[in-house]
PDB file of N, CA and C in Angstrom:
ATOM      1  N   MET A   1     -40.016 122.734  19.350  1.00  0.00           N
ATOM      2  CA  MET A   1     -39.699 122.582  20.750  1.00  0.00           C
ATOM      3  C   MET A   1     -40.726 123.345  21.580  1.00  0.00           C
ATOM      4  N   ILE A   2     -41.301 122.702  22.566  1.00  0.00           N
ATOM      5  CA  ILE A   2     -42.277 123.342  23.443  1.00  0.00           C
ATOM      6  C   ILE A   2     -41.562 123.788  24.711  1.00  0.00           C
ATOM      7  N   VAL A   3     -41.743 125.035  25.062  1.00  0.00           N
ATOM      8  CA  VAL A   3     -41.118 125.570  26.263  1.00  0.00           C
ATOM      9  C   VAL A   3     -42.137 125.529  27.386  1.00  0.00           C
ATOM     10  N   ASN A   4     -41.831 124.813  28.440  1.00  0.00           N
ATOM     11  CA  ASN A   4     -42.746 124.704  29.571  1.00  0.00           C
ATOM     12  C   ASN A   4     -42.525 125.785  30.613  1.00  0.00           C
ATOM     13  N   ASP A   5     -41.340 126.321  30.695  1.00  0.00           N
ATOM     14  CA  ASP A   5     -41.030 127.307  31.712  1.00  0.00           C
ATOM     15  C   ASP A   5     -40.305 128.475  31.053  1.00  0.00           C
ATOM     16  N   TYR A   6     -40.988 129.608  30.921  1.00  0.00           N
ATOM     17  CA  TYR A   6     -40.405 130.764  30.249  1.00  0.00           C
ATOM     18  C   TYR A   6     -39.286 131.399  31.060  1.00  0.00           C
ATOM     19  N   ASN A   7     -39.224 131.122  32.363  1.00  0.00           N
ATOM     20  CA  ASN A   7     -38.121 131.637  33.176  1.00  0.00           C
ATOM     21  C   ASN A   7     -36.828 130.869  32.920  1.00  0.00           C
ATOM     22  N   TYR A   8     -36.952 129.620  32.522  1.00  0.00           N
ATOM     23  CA  TYR A   8     -35.794 128.764  32.268  1.00  0.00           C
ATOM     24  C   TYR A   8     -35.978 128.075  30.918  1.00  0.00           C
ATOM     25  N   PRO A   9     -35.704 128.769  29.807  1.00  0.00           N
ATOM     26  CA  PRO A   9     -35.995 128.216  28.483  1.00  0.00           C
ATOM     27  C   PRO A   9     -34.956 127.220  27.959  1.00  0.00           C
ATOM     28  N   ASP A  10     -33.822 127.108  28.629  1.00  0.00           N
ATOM     29  CA  ASP A  10     -32.738 126.252  28.155  1.00  0.00           C
ATOM     30  C   ASP A  10     -32.659 124.992  29.018  1.00  0.00           C
ATOM     31  N   ASN A  11     -31.814 124.061  28.605  1.00  0.00           N
ATOM     32  CA  ASN A  11     -31.569 122.845  29.383  1.00  0.00           C
ATOM     33  C   ASN A  11     -30.080 122.705  29.615  1.00  0.00           C
ATOM     34  N   CYS A  12     -29.713 122.146  30.760  1.00  0.00           N
ATOM     35  CA  CYS A  12     -28.288 121.960  31.029  1.00  0.00           C
ATOM     36  C   CYS A  12     -28.038 120.707  31.847  1.00  0.00           C
ATOM     37  N   ILE A  13     -26.821 120.229  31.708  1.00  0.00           N
ATOM     38  CA  ILE A  13     -26.330 119.108  32.502  1.00  0.00           C
ATOM     39  C   ILE A  13     -25.043 119.589  33.162  1.00  0.00           C
ATOM     40  N   ILE A  14     -25.001 119.489  34.476  1.00  0.00           N
ATOM     41  CA  ILE A  14     -23.803 119.871  35.234  1.00  0.00           C
ATOM     42  C   ILE A  14     -23.251 118.606  35.861  1.00  0.00           C
ATOM     43  N   SER A  15     -21.981 118.339  35.604  1.00  0.00           N
ATOM     44  CA  SER A  15     -21.369 117.110  36.099  1.00  0.00           C
ATOM     45  C   SER A  15     -19.988 117.383  36.666  1.00  0.00           C
ATOM     46  N   ARG A  16     -19.467 116.393  37.371  1.00  0.00           N
ATOM     47  CA  ARG A  16     -18.131 116.497  37.975  1.00  0.00           C
ATOM     48  C   ARG A  16     -17.324 115.263  37.600  1.00  0.00           C
ATOM     49  N   SER A  17     -16.090 115.491  37.226  1.00  0.00           N
ATOM     50  CA  SER A  17     -15.197 114.396  36.876  1.00  0.00           C
ATOM     51  C   SER A  17     -14.923 113.524  38.102  1.00  0.00           C
ATOM     52  N   THR A  18     -14.864 112.203  37.873  1.00  0.00           N
ATOM     53  CA  THR A  18     -14.511 111.287  38.950  1.00  0.00           C
ATOM     54  C   THR A  18     -12.996 111.111  39.039  1.00  0.00           C
ATOM     55  N   GLY A  19     -12.275 111.642  38.040  1.00  0.00           N
ATOM     56  CA  GLY A  19     -10.829 111.473  37.999  1.00  0.00           C
ATOM     57  C   GLY A  19     -10.416 110.164  37.353  1.00  0.00           C
ATOM     58  N   LYS A  20     -11.389 109.450  36.799  1.00  0.00           N
ATOM     59  CA  LYS A  20     -11.110 108.162  36.170  1.00  0.00           C
ATOM     60  C   LYS A  20     -11.552 108.202  34.714  1.00  0.00           C
ATOM     61  N   ALA A  21     -11.060 107.245  33.935  1.00  0.00           N
ATOM     62  CA  ALA A  21     -11.428 107.135  32.520  1.00  0.00           C
ATOM     63  C   ALA A  21     -11.921 105.722  32.254  1.00  0.00           C
ATOM     64  N   ASP A  22     -12.783 105.600  31.217  1.00  0.00           N
ATOM     65  CA  ASP A  22     -13.256 104.272  30.839  1.00  0.00           C
ATOM     66  C   ASP A  22     -12.206 103.585  29.973  1.00  0.00           C
ATOM     67  N   VAL A  23     -12.509 102.387  29.461  1.00  0.00           N
ATOM     68  CA  VAL A  23     -11.545 101.614  28.685  1.00  0.00           C
ATOM     69  C   VAL A  23     -11.166 102.289  27.375  1.00  0.00           C
ATOM     70  N   GLU A  24     -12.026 103.228  26.898  1.00  0.00           N
ATOM     71  CA  GLU A  24     -11.722 103.965  25.668  1.00  0.00           C
ATOM     72  C   GLU A  24     -10.975 105.265  25.947  1.00  0.00           C
ATOM     73  N   GLY A  25     -10.697 105.530  27.212  1.00  0.00           N
ATOM     74  CA  GLY A  25      -9.966 106.737  27.575  1.00  0.00           C
ATOM     75  C   GLY A  25     -10.828 107.966  27.775  1.00  0.00           C
ATOM     76  N   LYS A  26     -12.160 107.801  27.744  1.00  0.00           N
ATOM     77  CA  LYS A  26     -13.061 108.933  27.951  1.00  0.00           C
ATOM     78  C   LYS A  26     -13.263 109.175  29.444  1.00  0.00           C
ATOM     79  N   GLU A  27     -13.277 110.448  29.796  1.00  0.00           N
ATOM     80  CA  GLU A  27     -13.437 110.839  31.191  1.00  0.00           C
ATOM     81  C   GLU A  27     -14.788 110.385  31.742  1.00  0.00           C
ATOM     82  N   ILE A  28     -14.790 109.840  32.958  1.00  0.00           N
ATOM     83  CA  ILE A  28     -16.022 109.426  33.625  1.00  0.00           C
ATOM     84  C   ILE A  28     -16.442 110.548  34.562  1.00  0.00           C
ATOM     85  N   SER A  29     -17.715 110.924  34.486  1.00  0.00           N
ATOM     86  CA  SER A  29     -18.204 111.994  35.349  1.00  0.00           C
ATOM     87  C   SER A  29     -19.513 111.580  36.016  1.00  0.00           C
ATOM     88  N   THR A  30     -19.842 112.293  37.097  1.00  0.00           N
ATOM     89  CA  THR A  30     -21.076 112.086  37.846  1.00  0.00           C
ATOM     90  C   THR A  30     -21.984 113.280  37.615  1.00  0.00           C
ATOM     91  N   THR A  31     -23.239 113.040  37.266  1.00  0.00           N
ATOM     92  CA  THR A  31     -24.188 114.127  37.025  1.00  0.00           C
ATOM     93  C   THR A  31     -24.663 114.708  38.351  1.00  0.00           C
ATOM     94  N   LEU A  32     -24.541 116.041  38.478  1.00  0.00           N
ATOM     95  CA  LEU A  32     -24.996 116.755  39.669  1.00  0.00           C
ATOM     96  C   LEU A  32     -26.370 117.385  39.454  1.00  0.00           C
ATOM     97  N   TYR A  33     -26.623 117.834  38.222  1.00  0.00           N
ATOM     98  CA  TYR A  33     -27.899 118.473  37.895  1.00  0.00           C
ATOM     99  C   TYR A  33     -28.186 118.233  36.419  1.00  0.00           C
ATOM    100  N   ASP A  34     -29.422 117.894  36.115  1.00  0.00           N
ATOM    101  CA  ASP A  34     -29.869 117.691  34.742  1.00  0.00           C
ATOM    102  C   ASP A  34     -31.282 118.243  34.662  1.00  0.00           C
ATOM    103  N   GLY A  35     -31.434 119.422  34.034  1.00  0.00           N
ATOM    104  CA  GLY A  35     -32.756 120.022  33.976  1.00  0.00           C
ATOM    105  C   GLY A  35     -32.763 121.379  33.311  1.00  0.00           C
ATOM    106  N   VAL A  36     -33.800 122.146  33.610  1.00  0.00           N
ATOM    107  CA  VAL A  36     -33.981 123.451  32.980  1.00  0.00           C
ATOM    108  C   VAL A  36     -33.004 124.478  33.546  1.00  0.00           C
ATOM    109  N   CYS A  37     -32.717 125.498  32.717  1.00  0.00           N
ATOM    110  CA  CYS A  37     -31.815 126.564  33.123  1.00  0.00           C
ATOM    111  C   CYS A  37     -32.047 127.760  32.200  1.00  0.00           C
ATOM    112  N   GLU A  38     -31.358 128.835  32.486  1.00  0.00           N
ATOM    113  CA  GLU A  38     -31.361 129.988  31.587  1.00  0.00           C
ATOM    114  C   GLU A  38     -29.932 130.496  31.479  1.00  0.00           C
ATOM    115  N   ILE A  39     -29.412 130.555  30.266  1.00  0.00           N
ATOM    116  CA  ILE A  39     -28.077 131.101  30.050  1.00  0.00           C
ATOM    117  C   ILE A  39     -28.222 132.533  29.559  1.00  0.00           C
ATOM    118  N   GLN A  40     -27.397 133.414  30.114  1.00  0.00           N
ATOM    119  CA  GLN A  40     -27.401 134.821  29.712  1.00  0.00           C
ATOM    120  C   GLN A  40     -25.981 135.204  29.320  1.00  0.00           C
ATOM    121  N   TYR A  41     -25.868 135.806  28.151  1.00  0.00           N
ATOM    122  CA  TYR A  41     -24.574 136.268  27.668  1.00  0.00           C
ATOM    123  C   TYR A  41     -24.450 137.762  27.890  1.00  0.00           C
ATOM    124  N   GLY A  42     -23.280 138.208  28.334  1.00  0.00           N
ATOM    125  CA  GLY A  42     -23.008 139.634  28.455  1.00  0.00           C
ATOM    126  C   GLY A  42     -23.730 140.316  29.585  1.00  0.00           C
ATOM    127  N   GLY A  43     -23.992 139.599  30.661  1.00  0.00           N
ATOM    128  CA  GLY A  43     -24.646 140.224  31.801  1.00  0.00           C
ATOM    129  C   GLY A  43     -23.748 141.238  32.482  1.00  0.00           C
ATOM    130  N   SER A  44     -24.330 142.285  32.975  1.00  0.00           N
ATOM    131  CA  SER A  44     -23.535 143.301  33.672  1.00  0.00           C
ATOM    132  C   SER A  44     -22.987 142.717  34.960  1.00  0.00           C
ATOM    133  N   GLY A  45     -21.892 143.275  35.417  1.00  0.00           N
ATOM    134  CA  GLY A  45     -21.277 142.797  36.634  1.00  0.00           C
ATOM    135  C   GLY A  45     -20.253 141.707  36.410  1.00  0.00           C
ATOM    136  N   ASN A  46     -20.175 141.166  35.231  1.00  0.00           N
ATOM    137  CA  ASN A  46     -19.204 140.116  34.937  1.00  0.00           C
ATOM    138  C   ASN A  46     -18.416 140.468  33.682  1.00  0.00           C
ATOM    139  N   THR A  47     -18.183 141.774  33.490  1.00  0.00           N
ATOM    140  CA  THR A  47     -17.458 142.263  32.330  1.00  0.00           C
ATOM    141  C   THR A  47     -16.096 142.773  32.764  1.00  0.00           C
ATOM    142  N   THR A  48     -15.055 142.358  32.044  1.00  0.00           N
ATOM    143  CA  THR A  48     -13.699 142.797  32.355  1.00  0.00           C
ATOM    144  C   THR A  48     -13.011 143.278  31.085  1.00  0.00           C
ATOM    145  N   PHE A  49     -11.982 144.086  31.264  1.00  0.00           N
ATOM    146  CA  PHE A  49     -11.194 144.568  30.139  1.00  0.00           C
ATOM    147  C   PHE A  49     -10.158 143.507  29.799  1.00  0.00           C
ATOM    148  N   GLN A  50     -10.242 142.941  28.590  1.00  0.00           N
ATOM    149  CA  GLN A  50      -9.346 141.880  28.149  1.00  0.00           C
ATOM    150  C   GLN A  50      -8.548 142.371  26.943  1.00  0.00           C
ATOM    151  N   VAL A  51      -7.286 142.630  27.129  1.00  0.00           N
ATOM    152  CA  VAL A  51      -6.333 143.066  26.107  1.00  0.00           C
ATOM    153  C   VAL A  51      -6.743 144.413  25.524  1.00  0.00           C
ATOM    154  N   VAL A  52      -7.620 144.437  24.514  1.00  0.00           N
ATOM    155  CA  VAL A  52      -7.992 145.702  23.878  1.00  0.00           C
ATOM    156  C   VAL A  52      -9.490 145.994  23.908  1.00  0.00           C
ATOM    157  N   ASP A  53     -10.286 145.100  24.488  1.00  0.00           N
ATOM    158  CA  ASP A  53     -11.723 145.361  24.541  1.00  0.00           C
ATOM    159  C   ASP A  53     -12.337 144.722  25.780  1.00  0.00           C
ATOM    160  N   PHE A  54     -13.600 145.032  26.003  1.00  0.00           N
ATOM    161  CA  PHE A  54     -14.320 144.460  27.129  1.00  0.00           C
ATOM    162  C   PHE A  54     -14.951 143.133  26.719  1.00  0.00           C
ATOM    163  N   GLN A  55     -14.875 142.144  27.610  1.00  0.00           N
ATOM    164  CA  GLN A  55     -15.474 140.842  27.349  1.00  0.00           C
ATOM    165  C   GLN A  55     -16.294 140.426  28.555  1.00  0.00           C
ATOM    166  N   SER A  56     -17.372 139.722  28.295  1.00  0.00           N
ATOM    167  CA  SER A  56     -18.249 139.255  29.365  1.00  0.00           C
ATOM    168  C   SER A  56     -18.292 137.741  29.395  1.00  0.00           C
ATOM    169  N   LYS A  57     -18.380 137.195  30.594  1.00  0.00           N
ATOM    170  CA  LYS A  57     -18.556 135.760  30.759  1.00  0.00           C
ATOM    171  C   LYS A  57     -20.046 135.492  30.902  1.00  0.00           C
ATOM    172  N   PRO A  58     -20.530 134.409  30.327  1.00  0.00           N
ATOM    173  CA  PRO A  58     -21.953 134.102  30.462  1.00  0.00           C
ATOM    174  C   PRO A  58     -22.304 133.672  31.892  1.00  0.00           C
ATOM    175  N   SER A  59     -23.557 133.874  32.231  1.00  0.00           N
ATOM    176  CA  SER A  59     -24.102 133.440  33.511  1.00  0.00           C
ATOM    177  C   SER A  59     -25.192 132.417  33.252  1.00  0.00           C
ATOM    178  N   LEU A  60     -25.332 131.486  34.176  1.00  0.00           N
ATOM    179  CA  LEU A  60     -26.342 130.443  34.081  1.00  0.00           C
ATOM    180  C   LEU A  60     -27.185 130.487  35.342  1.00  0.00           C
ATOM    181  N   PHE A  61     -28.495 130.389  35.179  1.00  0.00           N
ATOM    182  CA  PHE A  61     -29.415 130.354  36.315  1.00  0.00           C
ATOM    183  C   PHE A  61     -30.150 129.029  36.298  1.00  0.00           C
ATOM    184  N   ILE A  62     -30.207 128.373  37.471  1.00  0.00           N
ATOM    185  CA  ILE A  62     -30.960 127.127  37.599  1.00  0.00           C
ATOM    186  C   ILE A  62     -31.910 127.260  38.789  1.00  0.00           C
ATOM    187  N   PRO A  63     -33.066 126.584  38.743  1.00  0.00           N
ATOM    188  CA  PRO A  63     -34.079 126.751  39.786  1.00  0.00           C
ATOM    189  C   PRO A  63     -33.898 125.850  40.996  1.00  0.00           C
ATOM    190  N   VAL A  64     -32.662 125.633  41.415  1.00  0.00           N
ATOM    191  CA  VAL A  64     -32.391 124.871  42.634  1.00  0.00           C
ATOM    192  C   VAL A  64     -31.278 125.554  43.414  1.00  0.00           C
ATOM    193  N   SER A  65     -31.280 125.348  44.708  1.00  0.00           N
ATOM    194  CA  SER A  65     -30.211 125.931  45.529  1.00  0.00           C
ATOM    195  C   SER A  65     -29.624 124.909  46.487  1.00  0.00           C
ATOM    196  N   ASN A  66     -29.897 123.626  46.272  1.00  0.00           N
ATOM    197  CA  ASN A  66     -29.455 122.594  47.199  1.00  0.00           C
ATOM    198  C   ASN A  66     -28.366 121.677  46.638  1.00  0.00           C
ATOM    199  N   VAL A  67     -27.705 122.092  45.560  1.00  0.00           N
ATOM    200  CA  VAL A  67     -26.639 121.285  44.969  1.00  0.00           C
ATOM    201  C   VAL A  67     -25.302 121.946  45.292  1.00  0.00           C
ATOM    202  N   GLU A  68     -24.341 121.156  45.757  1.00  0.00           N
ATOM    203  CA  GLU A  68     -23.023 121.697  46.083  1.00  0.00           C
ATOM    204  C   GLU A  68     -22.108 121.591  44.867  1.00  0.00           C
ATOM    205  N   PHE A  69     -21.992 122.688  44.145  1.00  0.00           N
ATOM    206  CA  PHE A  69     -21.117 122.738  42.980  1.00  0.00           C
ATOM    207  C   PHE A  69     -19.702 123.049  43.410  1.00  0.00           C
ATOM    208  N   LYS A  70     -18.757 122.836  42.498  1.00  0.00           N
ATOM    209  CA  LYS A  70     -17.361 123.200  42.716  1.00  0.00           C
ATOM    210  C   LYS A  70     -16.857 123.921  41.472  1.00  0.00           C
ATOM    211  N   ILE A  71     -15.875 124.779  41.671  1.00  0.00           N
ATOM    212  CA  ILE A  71     -15.233 125.434  40.537  1.00  0.00           C
ATOM    213  C   ILE A  71     -14.650 124.346  39.639  1.00  0.00           C
ATOM    214  N   ASN A  72     -14.803 124.523  38.342  1.00  0.00           N
ATOM    215  CA  ASN A  72     -14.366 123.605  37.284  1.00  0.00           C
ATOM    216  C   ASN A  72     -15.283 122.409  37.063  1.00  0.00           C
ATOM    217  N   ASP A  73     -16.467 122.364  37.725  1.00  0.00           N
ATOM    218  CA  ASP A  73     -17.463 121.371  37.329  1.00  0.00           C
ATOM    219  C   ASP A  73     -17.828 121.638  35.873  1.00  0.00           C
ATOM    220  N   ILE A  74     -18.259 120.616  35.164  1.00  0.00           N
ATOM    221  CA  ILE A  74     -18.524 120.687  33.725  1.00  0.00           C
ATOM    222  C   ILE A  74     -19.989 121.043  33.482  1.00  0.00           C
ATOM    223  N   VAL A  75     -20.232 122.007  32.595  1.00  0.00           N
ATOM    224  CA  VAL A  75     -21.587 122.449  32.276  1.00  0.00           C
ATOM    225  C   VAL A  75     -21.804 122.348  30.765  1.00  0.00           C
ATOM    226  N   VAL A  76     -22.829 121.622  30.355  1.00  0.00           N
ATOM    227  CA  VAL A  76     -23.214 121.540  28.943  1.00  0.00           C
ATOM    228  C   VAL A  76     -24.618 122.118  28.834  1.00  0.00           C
ATOM    229  N   VAL A  77     -24.754 123.172  28.020  1.00  0.00           N
ATOM    230  CA  VAL A  77     -26.026 123.883  27.878  1.00  0.00           C
ATOM    231  C   VAL A  77     -26.574 123.680  26.467  1.00  0.00           C
ATOM    232  N   THR A  78     -27.838 123.294  26.393  1.00  0.00           N
ATOM    233  CA  THR A  78     -28.560 123.270  25.122  1.00  0.00           C
ATOM    234  C   THR A  78     -29.548 124.424  25.186  1.00  0.00           C
ATOM    235  N   SER A  79     -29.282 125.467  24.405  1.00  0.00           N
ATOM    236  CA  SER A  79     -30.131 126.656  24.450  1.00  0.00           C
ATOM    237  C   SER A  79     -31.391 126.449  23.627  1.00  0.00           C
ATOM    238  N   LEU A  80     -32.305 127.376  23.758  1.00  0.00           N
ATOM    239  CA  LEU A  80     -33.606 127.285  23.106  1.00  0.00           C
ATOM    240  C   LEU A  80     -33.491 127.090  21.589  1.00  0.00           C
ATOM    241  N   ASN A  81     -32.437 127.650  20.979  1.00  0.00           N
ATOM    242  CA  ASN A  81     -32.244 127.506  19.523  1.00  0.00           C
ATOM    243  C   ASN A  81     -31.414 126.268  19.168  1.00  0.00           C
ATOM    244  N   ASN A  82     -31.282 125.335  20.124  1.00  0.00           N
ATOM    245  CA  ASN A  82     -30.563 124.059  19.965  1.00  0.00           C
ATOM    246  C   ASN A  82     -29.063 124.210  19.815  1.00  0.00           C
ATOM    247  N   ARG A  83     -28.501 125.332  20.206  1.00  0.00           N
ATOM    248  CA  ARG A  83     -27.047 125.499  20.256  1.00  0.00           C
ATOM    249  C   ARG A  83     -26.547 124.774  21.499  1.00  0.00           C
ATOM    250  N   ILE A  84     -25.542 123.934  21.338  1.00  0.00           N
ATOM    251  CA  ILE A  84     -24.979 123.185  22.460  1.00  0.00           C
ATOM    252  C   ILE A  84     -23.591 123.724  22.744  1.00  0.00           C
ATOM    253  N   SER A  85     -23.376 124.161  23.979  1.00  0.00           N
ATOM    254  CA  SER A  85     -22.095 124.737  24.386  1.00  0.00           C
ATOM    255  C   SER A  85     -21.626 124.082  25.672  1.00  0.00           C
ATOM    256  N   ALA A  86     -20.309 123.943  25.808  1.00  0.00           N
ATOM    257  CA  ALA A  86     -19.719 123.349  27.005  1.00  0.00           C
ATOM    258  C   ALA A  86     -18.867 124.393  27.714  1.00  0.00           C
ATOM    259  N   PHE A  87     -18.966 124.429  29.029  1.00  0.00           N
ATOM    260  CA  PHE A  87     -18.252 125.385  29.876  1.00  0.00           C
ATOM    261  C   PHE A  87     -17.740 124.662  31.107  1.00  0.00           C
ATOM    262  N   THR A  88     -17.044 125.401  31.944  1.00  0.00           N
ATOM    263  CA  THR A  88     -16.761 124.962  33.307  1.00  0.00           C
ATOM    264  C   THR A  88     -17.202 126.081  34.243  1.00  0.00           C
ATOM    265  N   ILE A  89     -17.427 125.715  35.496  1.00  0.00           N
ATOM    266  CA  ILE A  89     -17.880 126.705  36.475  1.00  0.00           C
ATOM    267  C   ILE A  89     -16.703 127.559  36.930  1.00  0.00           C
ATOM    268  N   ASP A  90     -16.894 128.866  36.853  1.00  0.00           N
ATOM    269  CA  ASP A  90     -15.903 129.830  37.331  1.00  0.00           C
ATOM    270  C   ASP A  90     -16.202 130.227  38.775  1.00  0.00           C
ATOM    271  N   GLN A  91     -17.488 130.436  39.079  1.00  0.00           N
ATOM    272  CA  GLN A  91     -17.941 130.822  40.415  1.00  0.00           C
ATOM    273  C   GLN A  91     -19.451 130.610  40.458  1.00  0.00           C
ATOM    274  N   PHE A  92     -20.022 130.550  41.642  1.00  0.00           N
ATOM    275  CA  PHE A  92     -21.467 130.377  41.751  1.00  0.00           C
ATOM    276  C   PHE A  92     -21.955 130.974  43.062  1.00  0.00           C
ATOM    277  N   GLU A  93     -23.259 131.230  43.107  1.00  0.00           N
ATOM    278  CA  GLU A  93     -23.879 131.762  44.319  1.00  0.00           C
ATOM    279  C   GLU A  93     -25.291 131.208  44.411  1.00  0.00           C
ATOM    280  N   CYS A  94     -25.599 130.591  45.547  1.00  0.00           N
ATOM    281  CA  CYS A  94     -26.936 130.055  45.784  1.00  0.00           C
ATOM    282  C   CYS A  94     -27.767 131.088  46.531  1.00  0.00           C
ATOM    283  N   ALA A  95     -28.992 131.268  46.083  1.00  0.00           N
ATOM    284  CA  ALA A  95     -29.938 132.154  46.757  1.00  0.00           C
ATOM    285  C   ALA A  95     -31.052 131.281  47.304  1.00  0.00           C
ATOM    286  N   SER A  96     -30.845 130.724  48.495  1.00  0.00           N
ATOM    287  CA  SER A  96     -31.809 129.775  49.051  1.00  0.00           C
ATOM    288  C   SER A  96     -33.172 130.406  49.303  1.00  0.00           C
ATOM    289  N   ASP A  97     -33.209 131.720  49.550  1.00  0.00           N
ATOM    290  CA  ASP A  97     -34.495 132.393  49.739  1.00  0.00           C
ATOM    291  C   ASP A  97     -35.348 132.336  48.484  1.00  0.00           C
ATOM    292  N   PHE A  98     -34.701 132.292  47.323  1.00  0.00           N
ATOM    293  CA  PHE A  98     -35.418 132.267  46.048  1.00  0.00           C
ATOM    294  C   PHE A  98     -35.365 130.895  45.379  1.00  0.00           C
ATOM    295  N   ASN A  99     -34.706 129.919  46.026  1.00  0.00           N
ATOM    296  CA  ASN A  99     -34.535 128.585  45.455  1.00  0.00           C
ATOM    297  C   ASN A  99     -33.921 128.685  44.059  1.00  0.00           C
ATOM    298  N   ASP A 100     -32.794 129.394  43.968  1.00  0.00           N
ATOM    299  CA  ASP A 100     -32.162 129.699  42.694  1.00  0.00           C
ATOM    300  C   ASP A 100     -30.650 129.693  42.875  1.00  0.00           C
ATOM    301  N   THR A 101     -29.917 129.362  41.817  1.00  0.00           N
ATOM    302  CA  THR A 101     -28.462 129.426  41.825  1.00  0.00           C
ATOM    303  C   THR A 101     -27.995 130.147  40.576  1.00  0.00           C
ATOM    304  N   GLU A 102     -27.077 131.096  40.752  1.00  0.00           N
ATOM    305  CA  GLU A 102     -26.439 131.754  39.613  1.00  0.00           C
ATOM    306  C   GLU A 102     -25.029 131.216  39.496  1.00  0.00           C
ATOM    307  N   ILE A 103     -24.656 130.832  38.279  1.00  0.00           N
ATOM    308  CA  ILE A 103     -23.345 130.243  38.022  1.00  0.00           C
ATOM    309  C   ILE A 103     -22.655 131.067  36.944  1.00  0.00           C
ATOM    310  N   TRP A 104     -21.434 131.526  37.235  1.00  0.00           N
ATOM    311  CA  TRP A 104     -20.647 132.234  36.233  1.00  0.00           C
ATOM    312  C   TRP A 104     -19.780 131.208  35.540  1.00  0.00           C
ATOM    313  N   LEU A 105     -19.773 131.253  34.211  1.00  0.00           N
ATOM    314  CA  LEU A 105     -19.128 130.224  33.403  1.00  0.00           C
ATOM    315  C   LEU A 105     -17.832 130.713  32.765  1.00  0.00           C
ATOM    316  N   LYS A 106     -16.969 129.770  32.412  1.00  0.00           N
ATOM    317  CA  LYS A 106     -15.733 130.102  31.694  1.00  0.00           C
ATOM    318  C   LYS A 106     -15.442 129.009  30.673  1.00  0.00           C
ATOM    319  N   GLY A 107     -14.606 129.363  29.691  1.00  0.00           N
ATOM    320  CA  GLY A 107     -14.116 128.379  28.730  1.00  0.00           C
ATOM    321  C   GLY A 107     -15.146 127.808  27.790  1.00  0.00           C
ATOM    322  N   GLY A 108     -16.073 128.611  27.314  1.00  0.00           N
ATOM    323  CA  GLY A 108     -17.143 128.107  26.459  1.00  0.00           C
ATOM    324  C   GLY A 108     -16.690 127.700  25.069  1.00  0.00           C
ATOM    325  N   VAL A 109     -17.141 126.532  24.628  1.00  0.00           N
ATOM    326  CA  VAL A 109     -16.919 126.057  23.266  1.00  0.00           C
ATOM    327  C   VAL A 109     -18.204 125.415  22.756  1.00  0.00           C
ATOM    328  N   ASP A 110     -18.462 125.550  21.466  1.00  0.00           N
ATOM    329  CA  ASP A 110     -19.607 124.869  20.880  1.00  0.00           C
ATOM    330  C   ASP A 110     -19.291 123.400  20.703  1.00  0.00           C
ATOM    331  N   VAL A 111     -20.275 122.574  20.992  1.00  0.00           N
ATOM    332  CA  VAL A 111     -20.101 121.115  20.917  1.00  0.00           C
ATOM    333  C   VAL A 111     -20.720 120.612  19.638  1.00  0.00           C
TER     334      VAL A 111
END
């Protein structure tokens, strides 16, 4: 795999459910973003005490700030080592001055 952008070594697809299903019963979604990203696990500032230990939610960075995301939009990340994980958006913040968006993720599962 050739990495073209060392700031964003991963790839992701962010989509939103249309609320409809196809004839096979699979959820239909609309793609909001499909491109490079960087996923970070265990970032500071997003760590909470869960039952008996501290747990962190992963953060995702994408190089755009002009997409209107919503909480619970679907995120599928293919990391540099080809691990594919699916999440939903917990919260996000656009930094238009830097043309960047940080997205806090929840509910991660390997696909």
